[in-house]
Amino acid sequence: MNIDLSQFDNLDLNNIGQWPKAAKIILAVVLVVFVSYFVYYILVSDKITELDRVIAEESKLKTDYQAKYFVAANLELFREQMEEAEEMFAKQVKRLPESHETPGLLDDITFVGTTSRLDFKKLNWLEEIKREFYTELPIEVEVSGSYHDFGEFVSKISGLPRIVTLHDFAIVGDAKGSENSLTLKLQAKTYKYRESK
């Protein structure tokens, strides 16, 4: 197909009606493309962005709704669990020593150690460590005895009515290697609950 390009020479914009048919088609296509792009850019592109934002928001709202529906459907169960958790928390707080009870804790540890046939080398309070909701009260403990007596001691410590945790265990033997002359060094910690201000 031969297109005579000479027909596009000397086209007058003031007399478009006299243009050749091919020039009119090309002008119409260019105008349609330009107007389409202009309409899309001015009217549609912002709406597409808004649509994408609304679709994302809808998805988030559906997820929120499902989570809230689950909570609402199980509200009674959650209330029961909350009451149980508060009751357990209150019991654990009661197991923490009061300020006036902490000196007696050393007596308890001494009693547990001596009934486990251990000799105390050290039993000292260390500096308190303040945390967000509680205060740690560390106790340095060093005892000597046999390996099995250490086990009995640790077991009895865990049975005390107040919460005491044991940390940083180290068992050292003497030069003779006798089982009855081992030294146990550890840190016992008890805790005081601090009311949030």
Protein backbone atom coordinates (compact mmCIF):
# COMPACT_ATOMS: atom_id res chain seq x y z
CA MET A 1 0.00 0.00 0.00
CA ASN A 2 1.55 3.28 -1.12
CA ILE A 3 0.74 6.41 0.85
CA ASP A 4 1.31 9.64 -0.93
CA LEU A 5 3.04 11.83 1.71
CA SER A 6 2.76 14.88 -0.49
CA GLN A 7 -0.89 15.17 0.49
CA PHE A 8 0.27 16.20 4.04
CA ASP A 9 2.20 19.17 2.69
CA ASN A 10 0.72 22.61 3.19
CA LEU A 11 -2.11 21.59 5.54
CA ASP A 12 -3.99 24.65 6.75
CA LEU A 13 -5.35 24.51 10.33
CA ASN A 14 -7.97 27.10 9.44
CA ASN A 15 -9.38 24.85 6.71
CA ILE A 16 -9.43 21.34 8.22
CA GLY A 17 -12.48 20.42 6.15
CA GLN A 18 -10.36 20.47 3.00
CA TRP A 19 -7.70 18.13 4.40
CA PRO A 20 -7.25 14.67 2.83
CA LYS A 21 -9.10 11.82 4.50
CA ALA A 22 -5.87 10.24 5.92
CA ALA A 23 -4.85 13.53 7.58
CA LYS A 24 -8.31 13.89 9.13
CA ILE A 25 -8.10 10.32 10.55
CA ILE A 26 -4.63 10.94 12.02
CA LEU A 27 -5.79 14.23 13.56
CA ALA A 28 -8.89 12.50 14.99
CA VAL A 29 -6.77 9.69 16.50
CA VAL A 30 -4.32 12.21 18.04
CA LEU A 31 -7.22 14.23 19.47
CA VAL A 32 -8.92 11.11 20.86
CA VAL A 33 -5.66 9.97 22.49
CA PHE A 34 -5.00 13.44 23.91
CA VAL A 35 -8.57 13.90 25.20
CA SER A 36 -8.62 10.36 26.62
CA TYR A 37 -5.34 10.93 28.45
CA PHE A 38 -6.55 14.33 29.70
CA VAL A 39 -9.87 12.87 30.93
CA TYR A 40 -8.07 9.93 32.56
CA TYR A 41 -5.52 12.19 34.24
CA ILE A 42 -8.04 14.79 35.45
CA LEU A 43 -11.07 12.64 36.29
CA VAL A 44 -10.07 8.99 36.68
CA SER A 45 -6.53 8.71 38.09
CA ASP A 46 -7.44 10.33 41.42
CA LYS A 47 -10.49 8.09 41.67
CA ILE A 48 -8.35 4.97 41.10
CA THR A 49 -5.97 6.07 43.85
CA GLU A 50 -8.93 6.74 46.12
CA LEU A 51 -10.41 3.33 45.22
CA ASP A 52 -7.14 1.58 46.11
CA ARG A 53 -7.04 3.42 49.45
CA VAL A 54 -10.67 2.53 50.20
CA ILE A 55 -10.10 -1.14 49.28
CA ALA A 56 -7.11 -1.28 51.67
CA GLU A 57 -9.17 0.41 54.38
CA GLU A 58 -12.04 -2.02 53.79
CA SER A 59 -9.66 -4.95 54.22
CA LYS A 60 -8.36 -3.49 57.49
CA LEU A 61 -11.89 -2.83 58.74
CA LYS A 62 -12.91 -6.41 57.92
CA THR A 63 -9.93 -7.72 59.90
CA ASP A 64 -10.78 -5.42 62.83
CA TYR A 65 -14.40 -6.50 62.65
CA GLN A 66 -13.48 -10.19 62.71
CA ALA A 67 -11.21 -9.67 65.72
CA LYS A 68 -13.88 -7.71 67.57
CA TYR A 69 -16.55 -10.22 66.61
CA PHE A 70 -14.39 -13.03 68.01
CA VAL A 71 -13.95 -11.11 71.27
CA ALA A 72 -17.66 -10.28 71.47
CA ALA A 73 -18.66 -13.87 70.74
CA ASN A 74 -16.30 -15.12 73.45
CA LEU A 75 -16.76 -12.27 75.90
CA GLU A 76 -18.01 -14.45 78.73
CA LEU A 77 -15.08 -16.83 78.30
CA PHE A 78 -12.65 -13.88 78.30
CA ARG A 79 -14.25 -12.53 81.48
CA GLU A 80 -13.84 -15.89 83.19
CA GLN A 81 -10.22 -16.11 82.06
CA MET A 82 -9.59 -12.56 83.29
CA GLU A 83 -11.07 -13.36 86.69
CA GLU A 84 -8.91 -16.51 86.90
CA ALA A 85 -5.81 -14.54 85.92
CA GLU A 86 -6.56 -11.84 88.53
CA GLU A 87 -7.12 -14.52 91.17
CA MET A 88 -3.84 -16.27 90.27
CA PHE A 89 -2.02 -12.93 90.32
CA ALA A 90 -3.44 -12.11 93.76
CA LYS A 91 -2.31 -15.53 95.07
CA GLN A 92 1.20 -15.00 93.69
CA VAL A 93 1.40 -11.50 95.15
CA LYS A 94 0.43 -12.97 98.55
CA ARG A 95 3.39 -15.36 98.23
CA LEU A 96 5.77 -12.41 97.91
CA PRO A 97 7.23 -11.36 101.25
CA GLU A 98 6.19 -8.12 102.88
CA SER A 99 8.94 -5.75 104.02
CA HIS A 100 8.66 -6.95 107.62
CA GLU A 101 8.92 -10.60 106.49
CA THR A 102 12.18 -10.37 104.53
CA PRO A 103 14.49 -10.76 107.56
CA GLY A 104 12.61 -13.95 108.45
CA LEU A 105 13.43 -15.30 105.00
CA LEU A 106 17.10 -15.56 106.01
CA ASP A 107 15.99 -17.57 109.04
CA ASP A 108 13.94 -19.86 106.76
CA ILE A 109 16.90 -20.39 104.41
CA THR A 110 19.20 -21.06 107.37
CA PHE A 111 16.72 -23.56 108.81
CA VAL A 112 16.33 -25.32 105.46
CA GLY A 113 20.11 -25.48 105.05
CA THR A 114 20.84 -26.84 108.51
CA THR A 115 18.09 -29.47 108.24
CA SER A 116 19.73 -30.49 104.94
CA ARG A 117 23.03 -31.00 106.84
CA LEU A 118 24.80 -28.05 105.23
CA ASP A 119 27.27 -25.62 106.82
CA PHE A 120 26.79 -21.96 105.94
CA LYS A 121 29.85 -19.97 104.88
CA LYS A 122 27.91 -16.93 103.61
CA LEU A 123 24.34 -15.71 103.78
CA ASN A 124 24.09 -12.00 102.90
CA TRP A 125 21.53 -9.65 101.45
CA LEU A 126 22.76 -7.93 98.28
CA GLU A 127 21.61 -4.57 96.95
CA GLU A 128 17.95 -4.38 95.86
CA ILE A 129 17.24 -4.25 92.11
CA LYS A 130 14.21 -2.16 91.20
CA ARG A 131 12.16 -3.30 88.21
CA GLU A 132 9.01 -1.82 86.68
CA PHE A 133 6.46 -3.71 88.82
CA TYR A 134 8.59 -5.41 91.46
CA THR A 135 11.84 -5.21 93.38
CA GLU A 136 14.35 -8.07 93.38
CA LEU A 137 15.91 -8.89 96.74
CA PRO A 138 19.01 -11.00 96.02
CA ILE A 139 20.70 -13.09 98.69
CA GLU A 140 24.23 -14.42 98.35
CA VAL A 141 24.43 -18.00 99.62
CA GLU A 142 27.52 -20.17 100.08
CA VAL A 143 27.20 -23.53 101.81
CA SER A 144 29.33 -26.66 102.10
CA GLY A 145 28.22 -30.27 102.25
CA SER A 146 27.55 -33.23 99.99
CA TYR A 147 26.04 -33.22 96.54
CA HIS A 148 22.87 -34.98 97.73
CA ASP A 149 22.49 -32.51 100.59
CA PHE A 150 22.58 -29.70 98.00
CA GLY A 151 19.72 -31.36 96.16
CA GLU A 152 17.70 -31.63 99.36
CA PHE A 153 18.43 -27.96 100.15
CA VAL A 154 17.29 -26.77 96.72
CA SER A 155 14.16 -28.90 96.95
CA LYS A 156 13.26 -27.48 100.35
CA ILE A 157 13.88 -23.90 99.16
CA SER A 158 11.33 -24.43 96.39
CA GLY A 159 8.83 -25.58 99.03
CA LEU A 160 9.03 -22.40 101.10
CA PRO A 161 5.71 -20.53 101.44
CA ARG A 162 7.27 -17.40 99.92
CA ILE A 163 8.56 -17.19 96.34
CA VAL A 164 12.32 -17.73 96.20
CA THR A 165 14.18 -18.41 92.96
CA LEU A 166 17.73 -19.73 92.71
CA HIS A 167 20.30 -18.45 90.20
CA ASP A 168 23.99 -18.66 89.25
CA PHE A 169 24.79 -22.09 90.69
CA ALA A 170 28.44 -23.08 91.11
CA ILE A 171 29.64 -26.26 92.83
CA VAL A 172 33.31 -26.38 93.73
CA GLY A 173 35.16 -29.37 95.20
CA ASP A 174 38.12 -29.27 97.55
CA ALA A 175 41.58 -30.44 96.59
CA LYS A 176 41.02 -33.87 98.18
CA GLY A 177 38.02 -34.55 95.93
CA SER A 178 35.82 -35.69 98.82
CA GLU A 179 32.10 -35.74 98.05
CA ASN A 180 31.27 -34.38 101.51
CA SER A 181 33.46 -31.29 101.15
CA LEU A 182 31.82 -29.61 98.17
CA THR A 183 30.93 -25.91 98.20
CA LEU A 184 27.75 -24.59 96.61
CA LYS A 185 27.59 -20.92 95.68
CA LEU A 186 24.33 -19.49 94.42
CA GLN A 187 22.15 -16.43 94.44
CA ALA A 188 18.65 -16.72 95.87
CA LYS A 189 16.15 -14.05 94.91
CA THR A 190 12.87 -13.10 96.42
CA TYR A 191 10.66 -10.29 95.20
CA LYS A 192 8.52 -7.44 96.50
CA TYR A 193 5.57 -6.23 94.47
CA ARG A 194 5.59 -2.50 93.75
CA GLU A 195 2.28 -0.79 93.11
CA SER A 196 2.42 1.24 89.90
CA LYS A 197 2.19 4.94 90.72
